[in-house]
Amino acid sequence: MNSAEPLVRNNRHHHRFELEIDGKLSIIAYQDIDDQTLAVVHTEVDRSLEGKGVGSRLVAGMLSYVESHDLKIVPLCPFVAAYLERHPEWSHVVSTEYSVNDF
Protein backbone atom coordinates (compact mmCIF):
# COMPACT_ATOMS: atom_id res chain seq x y z
CA MET A 1 0.00 0.00 0.00
CA ASN A 2 1.20 3.46 -0.86
CA SER A 3 2.00 5.38 2.33
CA ALA A 4 0.11 8.39 0.91
CA GLU A 5 -3.04 6.30 0.36
CA PRO A 6 -5.86 7.40 2.68
CA LEU A 7 -6.48 5.15 5.66
CA VAL A 8 -9.74 4.18 7.31
CA ARG A 9 -9.97 5.62 10.80
CA ASN A 10 -12.36 4.98 13.65
CA ASN A 11 -14.11 8.17 14.75
CA ARG A 12 -15.43 6.87 18.09
CA HIS A 13 -16.98 10.23 18.94
CA HIS A 14 -19.31 9.95 15.92
CA HIS A 15 -19.54 6.12 16.02
CA ARG A 16 -18.30 5.65 12.50
CA PHE A 17 -15.36 4.53 10.43
CA GLU A 18 -14.22 7.19 7.97
CA LEU A 19 -12.31 7.28 4.71
CA GLU A 20 -11.61 10.64 3.09
CA ILE A 21 -10.75 10.69 -0.60
CA ASP A 22 -10.47 13.84 -2.70
CA GLY A 23 -11.96 15.84 0.16
CA LYS A 24 -15.06 13.65 0.27
CA LEU A 25 -15.95 11.62 3.34
CA SER A 26 -17.27 8.06 3.14
CA ILE A 27 -18.44 6.36 6.32
CA ILE A 28 -19.57 3.16 7.99
CA ALA A 29 -21.81 3.96 10.95
CA TYR A 30 -21.98 1.61 13.92
CA GLN A 31 -23.46 1.23 17.37
CA ASP A 32 -21.71 -0.32 20.35
CA ILE A 33 -23.49 -3.48 21.49
CA ASP A 34 -21.00 -4.24 24.25
CA ASP A 35 -17.32 -3.58 24.91
CA GLN A 36 -16.22 -6.02 22.20
CA THR A 37 -19.04 -5.93 19.62
CA LEU A 38 -20.18 -3.36 17.07
CA ALA A 39 -23.45 -3.41 15.13
CA VAL A 40 -22.52 -2.10 11.68
CA VAL A 41 -25.64 -0.26 10.54
CA HIS A 42 -24.93 1.87 7.47
CA THR A 43 -22.36 2.51 4.75
CA GLU A 44 -22.33 5.77 2.82
CA VAL A 45 -20.04 6.64 -0.08
CA ASP A 46 -20.10 10.05 -1.73
CA ARG A 47 -21.96 9.83 -5.06
CA SER A 48 -18.96 11.08 -7.02
CA LEU A 49 -16.89 8.16 -5.71
CA GLU A 50 -19.43 5.38 -6.29
CA GLY A 51 -18.28 2.54 -8.53
CA LYS A 52 -14.60 3.19 -7.81
CA GLY A 53 -14.09 0.59 -5.07
CA VAL A 54 -14.24 3.12 -2.24
CA GLY A 55 -16.96 1.21 -0.40
CA SER A 56 -14.94 -2.00 -0.55
CA ARG A 57 -11.80 -0.18 0.66
CA LEU A 58 -13.82 1.29 3.50
CA VAL A 59 -15.21 -2.11 4.55
CA ALA A 60 -11.79 -3.77 4.27
CA GLY A 61 -10.24 -1.04 6.43
CA MET A 62 -13.01 -1.35 9.00
CA LEU A 63 -12.58 -5.13 9.14
CA SER A 64 -8.81 -4.77 9.59
CA TYR A 65 -9.40 -2.36 12.47
CA VAL A 66 -11.94 -4.70 14.06
CA GLU A 67 -9.55 -7.65 13.75
CA SER A 68 -6.55 -5.79 15.14
CA HIS A 69 -8.56 -4.59 18.15
CA ASP A 70 -10.05 -8.04 18.91
CA LEU A 71 -13.57 -6.83 18.21
CA LYS A 72 -16.56 -8.53 16.58
CA ILE A 73 -19.27 -7.12 14.35
CA VAL A 74 -22.91 -7.77 13.60
CA PRO A 75 -23.36 -6.83 9.92
CA LEU A 76 -26.75 -5.08 9.81
CA CYS A 77 -25.74 -3.01 6.78
CA PRO A 78 -26.57 -4.82 3.50
CA PHE A 79 -23.39 -3.55 1.80
CA VAL A 80 -21.17 -4.92 4.59
CA ALA A 81 -23.14 -8.21 4.65
CA ALA A 82 -22.67 -8.58 0.88
CA TYR A 83 -18.93 -7.85 1.21
CA LEU A 84 -18.64 -10.56 3.87
CA GLU A 85 -20.41 -13.07 1.61
CA ARG A 86 -17.84 -12.34 -1.13
CA HIS A 87 -14.95 -12.48 1.38
CA PRO A 88 -15.55 -15.43 3.75
CA GLU A 89 -11.98 -15.08 5.05
CA TRP A 90 -13.40 -12.32 7.30
CA SER A 91 -16.03 -14.54 8.93
CA HIS A 92 -13.90 -14.76 12.08
CA VAL A 93 -14.75 -11.13 12.95
CA VAL A 94 -18.51 -11.73 12.76
CA SER A 95 -20.11 -12.19 16.17
CA THR A 96 -21.34 -15.66 17.08
CA GLU A 97 -22.85 -14.28 20.28
CA TYR A 98 -25.26 -11.92 18.47
CA SER A 99 -26.99 -12.26 15.12
CA VAL A 100 -28.84 -9.98 12.73
CA ASN A 101 -32.10 -11.48 14.03
CA ASP A 102 -31.37 -10.06 17.52
CA PHE A 103 -31.96 -6.51 16.20
PDB file of N, CA and C in Angstrom:
ATOM      1  N   MET A   1       0.832  -1.182   0.000  1.00  0.00           N
ATOM      2  CA  MET A   1       0.000   0.000   0.000  1.00  0.00           C
ATOM      3  C   MET A   1       0.872   1.239   0.000  1.00  0.00           C
ATOM      4  N   ASN A   2       0.502   2.193  -0.792  1.00  0.00           N
ATOM      5  CA  ASN A   2       1.198   3.463  -0.856  1.00  0.00           C
ATOM      6  C   ASN A   2       1.015   4.189   0.470  1.00  0.00           C
ATOM      7  N   SER A   3       2.085   4.709   1.043  1.00  0.00           N
ATOM      8  CA  SER A   3       1.996   5.378   2.335  1.00  0.00           C
ATOM      9  C   SER A   3       1.133   6.643   2.261  1.00  0.00           C
ATOM     10  N   ALA A   4       0.944   7.195   1.065  1.00  0.00           N
ATOM     11  CA  ALA A   4       0.115   8.386   0.910  1.00  0.00           C
ATOM     12  C   ALA A   4      -1.362   8.020   0.711  1.00  0.00           C
ATOM     13  N   GLU A   5      -1.649   6.732   0.562  1.00  0.00           N
ATOM     14  CA  GLU A   5      -3.037   6.296   0.365  1.00  0.00           C
ATOM     15  C   GLU A   5      -3.841   6.549   1.638  1.00  0.00           C
ATOM     16  N   PRO A   6      -5.046   7.114   1.496  1.00  0.00           N
ATOM     17  CA  PRO A   6      -5.857   7.399   2.682  1.00  0.00           C
ATOM     18  C   PRO A   6      -6.180   6.129   3.467  1.00  0.00           C
ATOM     19  N   LEU A   7      -6.203   6.278   4.787  1.00  0.00           N
ATOM     20  CA  LEU A   7      -6.484   5.154   5.662  1.00  0.00           C
ATOM     21  C   LEU A   7      -7.856   5.312   6.303  1.00  0.00           C
ATOM     22  N   VAL A   8      -8.470   4.181   6.587  1.00  0.00           N
ATOM     23  CA  VAL A   8      -9.738   4.177   7.310  1.00  0.00           C
ATOM     24  C   VAL A   8      -9.431   4.433   8.782  1.00  0.00           C
ATOM     25  N   ARG A   9     -10.173   5.343   9.382  1.00  0.00           N
ATOM     26  CA  ARG A   9      -9.971   5.625  10.801  1.00  0.00           C
ATOM     27  C   ARG A   9     -11.294   5.473  11.539  1.00  0.00           C
ATOM     28  N   ASN A  10     -11.192   5.125  12.802  1.00  0.00           N
ATOM     29  CA  ASN A  10     -12.362   4.980  13.649  1.00  0.00           C
ATOM     30  C   ASN A  10     -12.600   6.302  14.369  1.00  0.00           C
ATOM     31  N   ASN A  11     -13.711   6.946  14.063  1.00  0.00           N
ATOM     32  CA  ASN A  11     -14.108   8.165  14.754  1.00  0.00           C
ATOM     33  C   ASN A  11     -15.105   7.751  15.836  1.00  0.00           C
ATOM     34  N   ARG A  12     -14.584   7.382  16.998  1.00  0.00           N
ATOM     35  CA  ARG A  12     -15.427   6.872  18.086  1.00  0.00           C
ATOM     36  C   ARG A  12     -16.439   7.907  18.558  1.00  0.00           C
ATOM     37  N   HIS A  13     -16.080   9.184  18.503  1.00  0.00           N
ATOM     38  CA  HIS A  13     -16.985  10.234  18.937  1.00  0.00           C
ATOM     39  C   HIS A  13     -18.286  10.230  18.121  1.00  0.00           C
ATOM     40  N   HIS A  14     -18.153   9.972  16.815  1.00  0.00           N
ATOM     41  CA  HIS A  14     -19.314   9.945  15.916  1.00  0.00           C
ATOM     42  C   HIS A  14     -19.799   8.524  15.616  1.00  0.00           C
ATOM     43  N   HIS A  15     -19.170   7.532  16.221  1.00  0.00           N
ATOM     44  CA  HIS A  15     -19.541   6.116  16.023  1.00  0.00           C
ATOM     45  C   HIS A  15     -19.541   5.750  14.540  1.00  0.00           C
ATOM     46  N   ARG A  16     -18.407   5.997  13.913  1.00  0.00           N
ATOM     47  CA  ARG A  16     -18.300   5.649  12.499  1.00  0.00           C
ATOM     48  C   ARG A  16     -16.840   5.493  12.096  1.00  0.00           C
ATOM     49  N   PHE A  17     -16.650   4.658  11.089  1.00  0.00           N
ATOM     50  CA  PHE A  17     -15.361   4.535  10.430  1.00  0.00           C
ATOM     51  C   PHE A  17     -15.395   5.496   9.254  1.00  0.00           C
ATOM     52  N   GLU A  18     -14.270   6.158   8.993  1.00  0.00           N
ATOM     53  CA  GLU A  18     -14.223   7.189   7.971  1.00  0.00           C
ATOM     54  C   GLU A  18     -13.069   6.953   6.998  1.00  0.00           C
ATOM     55  N   LEU A  19     -13.336   7.293   5.748  1.00  0.00           N
ATOM     56  CA  LEU A  19     -12.313   7.275   4.707  1.00  0.00           C
ATOM     57  C   LEU A  19     -12.518   8.530   3.867  1.00  0.00           C
ATOM     58  N   GLU A  20     -11.512   9.411   3.865  1.00  0.00           N
ATOM     59  CA  GLU A  20     -11.610  10.637   3.086  1.00  0.00           C
ATOM     60  C   GLU A  20     -10.765  10.517   1.826  1.00  0.00           C
ATOM     61  N   ILE A  21     -11.425  10.734   0.699  1.00  0.00           N
ATOM     62  CA  ILE A  21     -10.752  10.686  -0.602  1.00  0.00           C
ATOM     63  C   ILE A  21     -11.173  11.917  -1.382  1.00  0.00           C
ATOM     64  N   ASP A  22     -10.203  12.631  -1.918  1.00  0.00           N
ATOM     65  CA  ASP A  22     -10.469  13.845  -2.704  1.00  0.00           C
ATOM     66  C   ASP A  22     -11.372  14.819  -1.951  1.00  0.00           C
ATOM     67  N   GLY A  23     -11.176  14.923  -0.639  1.00  0.00           N
ATOM     68  CA  GLY A  23     -11.962  15.845   0.162  1.00  0.00           C
ATOM     69  C   GLY A  23     -13.382  15.398   0.446  1.00  0.00           C
ATOM     70  N   LYS A  24     -13.708  14.170   0.057  1.00  0.00           N
ATOM     71  CA  LYS A  24     -15.060  13.647   0.266  1.00  0.00           C
ATOM     72  C   LYS A  24     -15.010  12.516   1.288  1.00  0.00           C
ATOM     73  N   LEU A  25     -15.934  12.562   2.246  1.00  0.00           N
ATOM     74  CA  LEU A  25     -15.945  11.618   3.343  1.00  0.00           C
ATOM     75  C   LEU A  25     -16.921  10.480   3.076  1.00  0.00           C
ATOM     76  N   SER A  26     -16.432   9.252   3.195  1.00  0.00           N
ATOM     77  CA  SER A  26     -17.272   8.057   3.141  1.00  0.00           C
ATOM     78  C   SER A  26     -17.230   7.430   4.524  1.00  0.00           C
ATOM     79  N   ILE A  27     -18.354   6.835   4.940  1.00  0.00           N
ATOM     80  CA  ILE A  27     -18.436   6.357   6.320  1.00  0.00           C
ATOM     81  C   ILE A  27     -19.114   4.986   6.430  1.00  0.00           C
ATOM     82  N   ILE A  28     -18.812   4.315   7.522  1.00  0.00           N
ATOM     83  CA  ILE A  28     -19.573   3.157   7.992  1.00  0.00           C
ATOM     84  C   ILE A  28     -19.995   3.504   9.415  1.00  0.00           C
ATOM     85  N   ALA A  29     -21.290   3.634   9.627  1.00  0.00           N
ATOM     86  CA  ALA A  29     -21.814   3.962  10.951  1.00  0.00           C
ATOM     87  C   ALA A  29     -22.019   2.673  11.743  1.00  0.00           C
ATOM     88  N   TYR A  30     -21.796   2.773  13.053  1.00  0.00           N
ATOM     89  CA  TYR A  30     -21.982   1.608  13.919  1.00  0.00           C
ATOM     90  C   TYR A  30     -22.538   2.031  15.264  1.00  0.00           C
ATOM     91  N   GLN A  31     -23.019   1.042  15.992  1.00  0.00           N
ATOM     92  CA  GLN A  31     -23.459   1.228  17.368  1.00  0.00           C
ATOM     93  C   GLN A  31     -22.724   0.216  18.220  1.00  0.00           C
ATOM     94  N   ASP A  32     -22.336   0.614  19.415  1.00  0.00           N
ATOM     95  CA  ASP A  32     -21.712  -0.320  20.346  1.00  0.00           C
ATOM     96  C   ASP A  32     -22.789  -1.221  20.933  1.00  0.00           C
ATOM     97  N   ILE A  33     -22.579  -2.529  20.853  1.00  0.00           N
ATOM     98  CA  ILE A  33     -23.487  -3.478  21.494  1.00  0.00           C
ATOM     99  C   ILE A  33     -22.976  -3.781  22.895  1.00  0.00           C
ATOM    100  N   ASP A  34     -21.686  -4.059  22.970  1.00  0.00           N
ATOM    101  CA  ASP A  34     -21.002  -4.242  24.246  1.00  0.00           C
ATOM    102  C   ASP A  34     -19.557  -3.797  24.041  1.00  0.00           C
ATOM    103  N   ASP A  35     -18.699  -4.059  24.999  1.00  0.00           N
ATOM    104  CA  ASP A  35     -17.315  -3.579  24.907  1.00  0.00           C
ATOM    105  C   ASP A  35     -16.523  -4.187  23.752  1.00  0.00           C
ATOM    106  N   GLN A  36     -16.973  -5.315  23.237  1.00  0.00           N
ATOM    107  CA  GLN A  36     -16.219  -6.018  22.203  1.00  0.00           C
ATOM    108  C   GLN A  36     -16.983  -6.210  20.896  1.00  0.00           C
ATOM    109  N   THR A  37     -18.214  -5.657  20.793  1.00  0.00           N
ATOM    110  CA  THR A  37     -19.043  -5.931  19.622  1.00  0.00           C
ATOM    111  C   THR A  37     -19.677  -4.656  19.080  1.00  0.00           C
ATOM    112  N   LEU A  38     -19.592  -4.509  17.762  1.00  0.00           N
ATOM    113  CA  LEU A  38     -20.179  -3.364  17.069  1.00  0.00           C
ATOM    114  C   LEU A  38     -21.274  -3.841  16.124  1.00  0.00           C
ATOM    115  N   ALA A  39     -22.410  -3.176  16.138  1.00  0.00           N
ATOM    116  CA  ALA A  39     -23.449  -3.405  15.135  1.00  0.00           C
ATOM    117  C   ALA A  39     -23.179  -2.414  14.007  1.00  0.00           C
ATOM    118  N   VAL A  40     -22.826  -2.938  12.841  1.00  0.00           N
ATOM    119  CA  VAL A  40     -22.517  -2.100  11.681  1.00  0.00           C
ATOM    120  C   VAL A  40     -23.836  -1.838  10.959  1.00  0.00           C
ATOM    121  N   VAL A  41     -24.280  -0.561  10.967  1.00  0.00           N
ATOM    122  CA  VAL A  41     -25.640  -0.260  10.543  1.00  0.00           C
ATOM    123  C   VAL A  41     -25.787   0.420   9.180  1.00  0.00           C
ATOM    124  N   HIS A  42     -24.748   1.107   8.713  1.00  0.00           N
ATOM    125  CA  HIS A  42     -24.933   1.874   7.472  1.00  0.00           C
ATOM    126  C   HIS A  42     -23.592   2.211   6.842  1.00  0.00           C
ATOM    127  N   THR A  43     -23.537   2.089   5.516  1.00  0.00           N
ATOM    128  CA  THR A  43     -22.365   2.507   4.752  1.00  0.00           C
ATOM    129  C   THR A  43     -22.806   3.600   3.792  1.00  0.00           C
ATOM    130  N   GLU A  44     -22.002   4.651   3.711  1.00  0.00           N
ATOM    131  CA  GLU A  44     -22.331   5.766   2.824  1.00  0.00           C
ATOM    132  C   GLU A  44     -21.073   6.222   2.100  1.00  0.00           C
ATOM    133  N   VAL A  45     -21.145   6.190   0.766  1.00  0.00           N
ATOM    134  CA  VAL A  45     -20.040   6.638  -0.080  1.00  0.00           C
ATOM    135  C   VAL A  45     -20.534   7.830  -0.888  1.00  0.00           C
ATOM    136  N   ASP A  46     -19.734   8.873  -0.954  1.00  0.00           N
ATOM    137  CA  ASP A  46     -20.099  10.048  -1.735  1.00  0.00           C
ATOM    138  C   ASP A  46     -20.428   9.631  -3.167  1.00  0.00           C
ATOM    139  N   ARG A  47     -21.498  10.193  -3.705  1.00  0.00           N
ATOM    140  CA  ARG A  47     -21.957   9.825  -5.061  1.00  0.00           C
ATOM    141  C   ARG A  47     -20.853   9.908  -6.114  1.00  0.00           C
ATOM    142  N   SER A  48     -20.007  10.904  -6.013  1.00  0.00           N
ATOM    143  CA  SER A  48     -18.956  11.084  -7.020  1.00  0.00           C
ATOM    144  C   SER A  48     -17.892   9.987  -6.951  1.00  0.00           C
ATOM    145  N   LEU A  49     -17.876   9.221  -5.868  1.00  0.00           N
ATOM    146  CA  LEU A  49     -16.885   8.157  -5.706  1.00  0.00           C
ATOM    147  C   LEU A  49     -17.475   6.765  -5.912  1.00  0.00           C
ATOM    148  N   GLU A  50     -18.787   6.683  -6.114  1.00  0.00           N
ATOM    149  CA  GLU A  50     -19.432   5.383  -6.290  1.00  0.00           C
ATOM    150  C   GLU A  50     -18.880   4.666  -7.524  1.00  0.00           C
ATOM    151  N   GLY A  51     -18.763   3.351  -7.417  1.00  0.00           N
ATOM    152  CA  GLY A  51     -18.277   2.544  -8.527  1.00  0.00           C
ATOM    153  C   GLY A  51     -16.771   2.533  -8.689  1.00  0.00           C
ATOM    154  N   LYS A  52     -16.058   3.104  -7.733  1.00  0.00           N
ATOM    155  CA  LYS A  52     -14.601   3.191  -7.811  1.00  0.00           C
ATOM    156  C   LYS A  52     -13.909   2.348  -6.751  1.00  0.00           C
ATOM    157  N   GLY A  53     -14.673   1.476  -6.075  1.00  0.00           N
ATOM    158  CA  GLY A  53     -14.086   0.593  -5.070  1.00  0.00           C
ATOM    159  C   GLY A  53     -13.905   1.220  -3.704  1.00  0.00           C
ATOM    160  N   VAL A  54     -14.414   2.422  -3.516  1.00  0.00           N
ATOM    161  CA  VAL A  54     -14.240   3.120  -2.241  1.00  0.00           C
ATOM    162  C   VAL A  54     -14.977   2.392  -1.127  1.00  0.00           C
ATOM    163  N   GLY A  55     -16.198   1.940  -1.405  1.00  0.00           N
ATOM    164  CA  GLY A  55     -16.964   1.207  -0.399  1.00  0.00           C
ATOM    165  C   GLY A  55     -16.236  -0.048   0.051  1.00  0.00           C
ATOM    166  N   SER A  56     -15.685  -0.776  -0.891  1.00  0.00           N
ATOM    167  CA  SER A  56     -14.944  -1.995  -0.545  1.00  0.00           C
ATOM    168  C   SER A  56     -13.691  -1.673   0.245  1.00  0.00           C
ATOM    169  N   ARG A  57     -12.986  -0.601  -0.109  1.00  0.00           N
ATOM    170  CA  ARG A  57     -11.798  -0.180   0.658  1.00  0.00           C
ATOM    171  C   ARG A  57     -12.187   0.209   2.075  1.00  0.00           C
ATOM    172  N   LEU A  58     -13.327   0.877   2.194  1.00  0.00           N
ATOM    173  CA  LEU A  58     -13.819   1.291   3.501  1.00  0.00           C
ATOM    174  C   LEU A  58     -14.148   0.079   4.368  1.00  0.00           C
ATOM    175  N   VAL A  59     -14.861  -0.899   3.799  1.00  0.00           N
ATOM    176  CA  VAL A  59     -15.208  -2.109   4.551  1.00  0.00           C
ATOM    177  C   VAL A  59     -13.941  -2.881   4.922  1.00  0.00           C
ATOM    178  N   ALA A  60     -13.023  -3.042   3.985  1.00  0.00           N
ATOM    179  CA  ALA A  60     -11.786  -3.771   4.270  1.00  0.00           C
ATOM    180  C   ALA A  60     -10.998  -3.090   5.389  1.00  0.00           C
ATOM    181  N   GLY A  61     -10.940  -1.774   5.370  1.00  0.00           N
ATOM    182  CA  GLY A  61     -10.244  -1.043   6.425  1.00  0.00           C
ATOM    183  C   GLY A  61     -10.922  -1.197   7.771  1.00  0.00           C
ATOM    184  N   MET A  62     -12.251  -1.156   7.772  1.00  0.00           N
ATOM    185  CA  MET A  62     -13.005  -1.351   9.004  1.00  0.00           C
ATOM    186  C   MET A  62     -12.765  -2.745   9.553  1.00  0.00           C
ATOM    187  N   LEU A  63     -12.790  -3.757   8.690  1.00  0.00           N
ATOM    188  CA  LEU A  63     -12.575  -5.134   9.136  1.00  0.00           C
ATOM    189  C   LEU A  63     -11.165  -5.319   9.695  1.00  0.00           C
ATOM    190  N   SER A  64     -10.185  -4.695   9.068  1.00  0.00           N
ATOM    191  CA  SER A  64      -8.811  -4.772   9.587  1.00  0.00           C
ATOM    192  C   SER A  64      -8.716  -4.147  10.971  1.00  0.00           C
ATOM    193  N   TYR A  65      -9.382  -3.015  11.152  1.00  0.00           N
ATOM    194  CA  TYR A  65      -9.398  -2.362  12.467  1.00  0.00           C
ATOM    195  C   TYR A  65     -10.056  -3.284  13.498  1.00  0.00           C
ATOM    196  N   VAL A  66     -11.197  -3.819  13.158  1.00  0.00           N
ATOM    197  CA  VAL A  66     -11.936  -4.703  14.061  1.00  0.00           C
ATOM    198  C   VAL A  66     -11.066  -5.892  14.461  1.00  0.00           C
ATOM    199  N   GLU A  67     -10.419  -6.502  13.487  1.00  0.00           N
ATOM    200  CA  GLU A  67      -9.551  -7.654  13.750  1.00  0.00           C
ATOM    201  C   GLU A  67      -8.388  -7.271  14.663  1.00  0.00           C
ATOM    202  N   SER A  68      -7.735  -6.173  14.367  1.00  0.00           N
ATOM    203  CA  SER A  68      -6.549  -5.789  15.137  1.00  0.00           C
ATOM    204  C   SER A  68      -6.884  -5.343  16.562  1.00  0.00           C
ATOM    205  N   HIS A  69      -8.143  -5.007  16.820  1.00  0.00           N
ATOM    206  CA  HIS A  69      -8.565  -4.590  18.153  1.00  0.00           C
ATOM    207  C   HIS A  69      -9.395  -5.672  18.857  1.00  0.00           C
ATOM    208  N   ASP A  70      -9.335  -6.895  18.325  1.00  0.00           N
ATOM    209  CA  ASP A  70     -10.045  -8.041  18.905  1.00  0.00           C
ATOM    210  C   ASP A  70     -11.524  -7.759  19.139  1.00  0.00           C
ATOM    211  N   LEU A  71     -12.146  -7.129  18.150  1.00  0.00           N
ATOM    212  CA  LEU A  71     -13.570  -6.832  18.214  1.00  0.00           C
ATOM    213  C   LEU A  71     -14.343  -7.795  17.318  1.00  0.00           C
ATOM    214  N   LYS A  72     -15.648  -7.771  17.448  1.00  0.00           N
ATOM    215  CA  LYS A  72     -16.556  -8.533  16.584  1.00  0.00           C
ATOM    216  C   LYS A  72     -17.588  -7.564  16.034  1.00  0.00           C
ATOM    217  N   ILE A  73     -18.216  -7.947  14.927  1.00  0.00           N
ATOM    218  CA  ILE A  73     -19.270  -7.116  14.348  1.00  0.00           C
ATOM    219  C   ILE A  73     -20.531  -7.939  14.126  1.00  0.00           C
ATOM    220  N   VAL A  74     -21.639  -7.223  14.078  1.00  0.00           N
ATOM    221  CA  VAL A  74     -22.907  -7.769  13.601  1.00  0.00           C
ATOM    222  C   VAL A  74     -23.229  -6.953  12.348  1.00  0.00           C
ATOM    223  N   PRO A  75     -23.199  -7.574  11.170  1.00  0.00           N
ATOM    224  CA  PRO A  75     -23.358  -6.829   9.916  1.00  0.00           C
ATOM    225  C   PRO A  75     -24.827  -6.557   9.573  1.00  0.00           C
ATOM    226  N   LEU A  76     -25.377  -5.467  10.105  1.00  0.00           N
ATOM    227  CA  LEU A  76     -26.750  -5.082   9.807  1.00  0.00           C
ATOM    228  C   LEU A  76     -26.860  -4.328   8.491  1.00  0.00           C
ATOM    229  N   CYS A  77     -25.779  -3.743   8.044  1.00  0.00           N
ATOM    230  CA  CYS A  77     -25.739  -3.008   6.778  1.00  0.00           C
ATOM    231  C   CYS A  77     -25.672  -3.999   5.608  1.00  0.00           C
ATOM    232  N   PRO A  78     -26.591  -3.894   4.639  1.00  0.00           N
ATOM    233  CA  PRO A  78     -26.575  -4.816   3.497  1.00  0.00           C
ATOM    234  C   PRO A  78     -25.270  -4.795   2.698  1.00  0.00           C
ATOM    235  N   PHE A  79     -24.640  -3.630   2.561  1.00  0.00           N
ATOM    236  CA  PHE A  79     -23.389  -3.551   1.804  1.00  0.00           C
ATOM    237  C   PHE A  79     -22.290  -4.343   2.502  1.00  0.00           C
ATOM    238  N   VAL A  80     -22.190  -4.189   3.824  1.00  0.00           N
ATOM    239  CA  VAL A  80     -21.175  -4.921   4.590  1.00  0.00           C
ATOM    240  C   VAL A  80     -21.480  -6.417   4.558  1.00  0.00           C
ATOM    241  N   ALA A  81     -22.748  -6.786   4.696  1.00  0.00           N
ATOM    242  CA  ALA A  81     -23.136  -8.207   4.648  1.00  0.00           C
ATOM    243  C   ALA A  81     -22.771  -8.822   3.294  1.00  0.00           C
ATOM    244  N   ALA A  82     -23.012  -8.087   2.211  1.00  0.00           N
ATOM    245  CA  ALA A  82     -22.666  -8.581   0.877  1.00  0.00           C
ATOM    246  C   ALA A  82     -21.154  -8.730   0.723  1.00  0.00           C
ATOM    247  N   TYR A  83     -20.385  -7.783   1.246  1.00  0.00           N
ATOM    248  CA  TYR A  83     -18.928  -7.854   1.205  1.00  0.00           C
ATOM    249  C   TYR A  83     -18.451  -9.113   1.923  1.00  0.00           C
ATOM    250  N   LEU A  84     -19.030  -9.378   3.098  1.00  0.00           N
ATOM    251  CA  LEU A  84     -18.636 -10.559   3.872  1.00  0.00           C
ATOM    252  C   LEU A  84     -18.979 -11.854   3.142  1.00  0.00           C
ATOM    253  N   GLU A  85     -20.070 -11.875   2.402  1.00  0.00           N
ATOM    254  CA  GLU A  85     -20.410 -13.067   1.605  1.00  0.00           C
ATOM    255  C   GLU A  85     -19.367 -13.306   0.521  1.00  0.00           C
ATOM    256  N   ARG A  86     -18.862 -12.229  -0.072  1.00  0.00           N
ATOM    257  CA  ARG A  86     -17.841 -12.343  -1.127  1.00  0.00           C
ATOM    258  C   ARG A  86     -16.441 -12.601  -0.567  1.00  0.00           C
ATOM    259  N   HIS A  87     -16.258 -12.337   0.736  1.00  0.00           N
ATOM    260  CA  HIS A  87     -14.951 -12.480   1.378  1.00  0.00           C
ATOM    261  C   HIS A  87     -15.086 -13.290   2.674  1.00  0.00           C
ATOM    262  N   PRO A  88     -15.336 -14.598   2.558  1.00  0.00           N
ATOM    263  CA  PRO A  88     -15.548 -15.429   3.751  1.00  0.00           C
ATOM    264  C   PRO A  88     -14.327 -15.502   4.669  1.00  0.00           C
ATOM    265  N   GLU A  89     -13.172 -15.072   4.190  1.00  0.00           N
ATOM    266  CA  GLU A  89     -11.979 -15.076   5.052  1.00  0.00           C
ATOM    267  C   GLU A  89     -12.138 -14.116   6.235  1.00  0.00           C
ATOM    268  N   TRP A  90     -13.134 -13.244   6.194  1.00  0.00           N
ATOM    269  CA  TRP A  90     -13.397 -12.318   7.298  1.00  0.00           C
ATOM    270  C   TRP A  90     -14.461 -12.830   8.263  1.00  0.00           C
ATOM    271  N   SER A  91     -14.942 -14.029   8.078  1.00  0.00           N
ATOM    272  CA  SER A  91     -16.027 -14.540   8.929  1.00  0.00           C
ATOM    273  C   SER A  91     -15.635 -14.603  10.405  1.00  0.00           C
ATOM    274  N   HIS A  92     -14.349 -14.682  10.687  1.00  0.00           N
ATOM    275  CA  HIS A  92     -13.904 -14.763  12.083  1.00  0.00           C
ATOM    276  C   HIS A  92     -14.156 -13.476  12.880  1.00  0.00           C
ATOM    277  N   VAL A  93     -14.455 -12.360  12.221  1.00  0.00           N
ATOM    278  CA  VAL A  93     -14.752 -11.129  12.951  1.00  0.00           C
ATOM    279  C   VAL A  93     -16.251 -10.915  13.140  1.00  0.00           C
ATOM    280  N   VAL A  94     -17.057 -11.825  12.602  1.00  0.00           N
ATOM    281  CA  VAL A  94     -18.512 -11.729  12.761  1.00  0.00           C
ATOM    282  C   VAL A  94     -18.894 -12.394  14.080  1.00  0.00           C
ATOM    283  N   SER A  95     -19.701 -11.701  14.854  1.00  0.00           N
ATOM    284  CA  SER A  95     -20.106 -12.188  16.166  1.00  0.00           C
ATOM    285  C   SER A  95     -20.882 -13.502  16.062  1.00  0.00           C
ATOM    286  N   THR A  96     -20.548 -14.430  16.946  1.00  0.00           N
ATOM    287  CA  THR A  96     -21.344 -15.657  17.079  1.00  0.00           C
ATOM    288  C   THR A  96     -22.263 -15.541  18.290  1.00  0.00           C
ATOM    289  N   GLU A  97     -22.035 -14.506  19.093  1.00  0.00           N
ATOM    290  CA  GLU A  97     -22.855 -14.275  20.282  1.00  0.00           C
ATOM    291  C   GLU A  97     -24.158 -13.557  19.931  1.00  0.00           C
ATOM    292  N   TYR A  98     -24.093 -12.678  18.930  1.00  0.00           N
ATOM    293  CA  TYR A  98     -25.260 -11.920  18.469  1.00  0.00           C
ATOM    294  C   TYR A  98     -25.480 -12.230  16.990  1.00  0.00           C
ATOM    295  N   SER A  99     -26.717 -12.081  16.547  1.00  0.00           N
ATOM    296  CA  SER A  99     -26.993 -12.257  15.120  1.00  0.00           C
ATOM    297  C   SER A  99     -27.866 -11.113  14.636  1.00  0.00           C
ATOM    298  N   VAL A 100     -28.014 -11.015  13.338  1.00  0.00           N
ATOM    299  CA  VAL A 100     -28.840  -9.982  12.733  1.00  0.00           C
ATOM    300  C   VAL A 100     -30.265 -10.079  13.269  1.00  0.00           C
ATOM    301  N   ASN A 101     -30.733 -11.276  13.543  1.00  0.00           N
ATOM    302  CA  ASN A 101     -32.100 -11.479  14.029  1.00  0.00           C
ATOM    303  C   ASN A 101     -32.313 -10.928  15.439  1.00  0.00           C
ATOM    304  N   ASP A 102     -31.251 -10.623  16.164  1.00  0.00           N
ATOM    305  CA  ASP A 102     -31.369 -10.061  17.515  1.00  0.00           C
ATOM    306  C   ASP A 102     -31.750  -8.579  17.486  1.00  0.00           C
ATOM    307  N   PHE A 103     -31.744  -7.961  16.288  1.00  0.00           N
ATOM    308  CA  PHE A 103     -31.963  -6.514  16.202  1.00  0.00           C
ATOM    309  C   PHE A 103     -33.186  -6.153  15.395  1.00  0.00           C
TER     310      PHE A 103
END
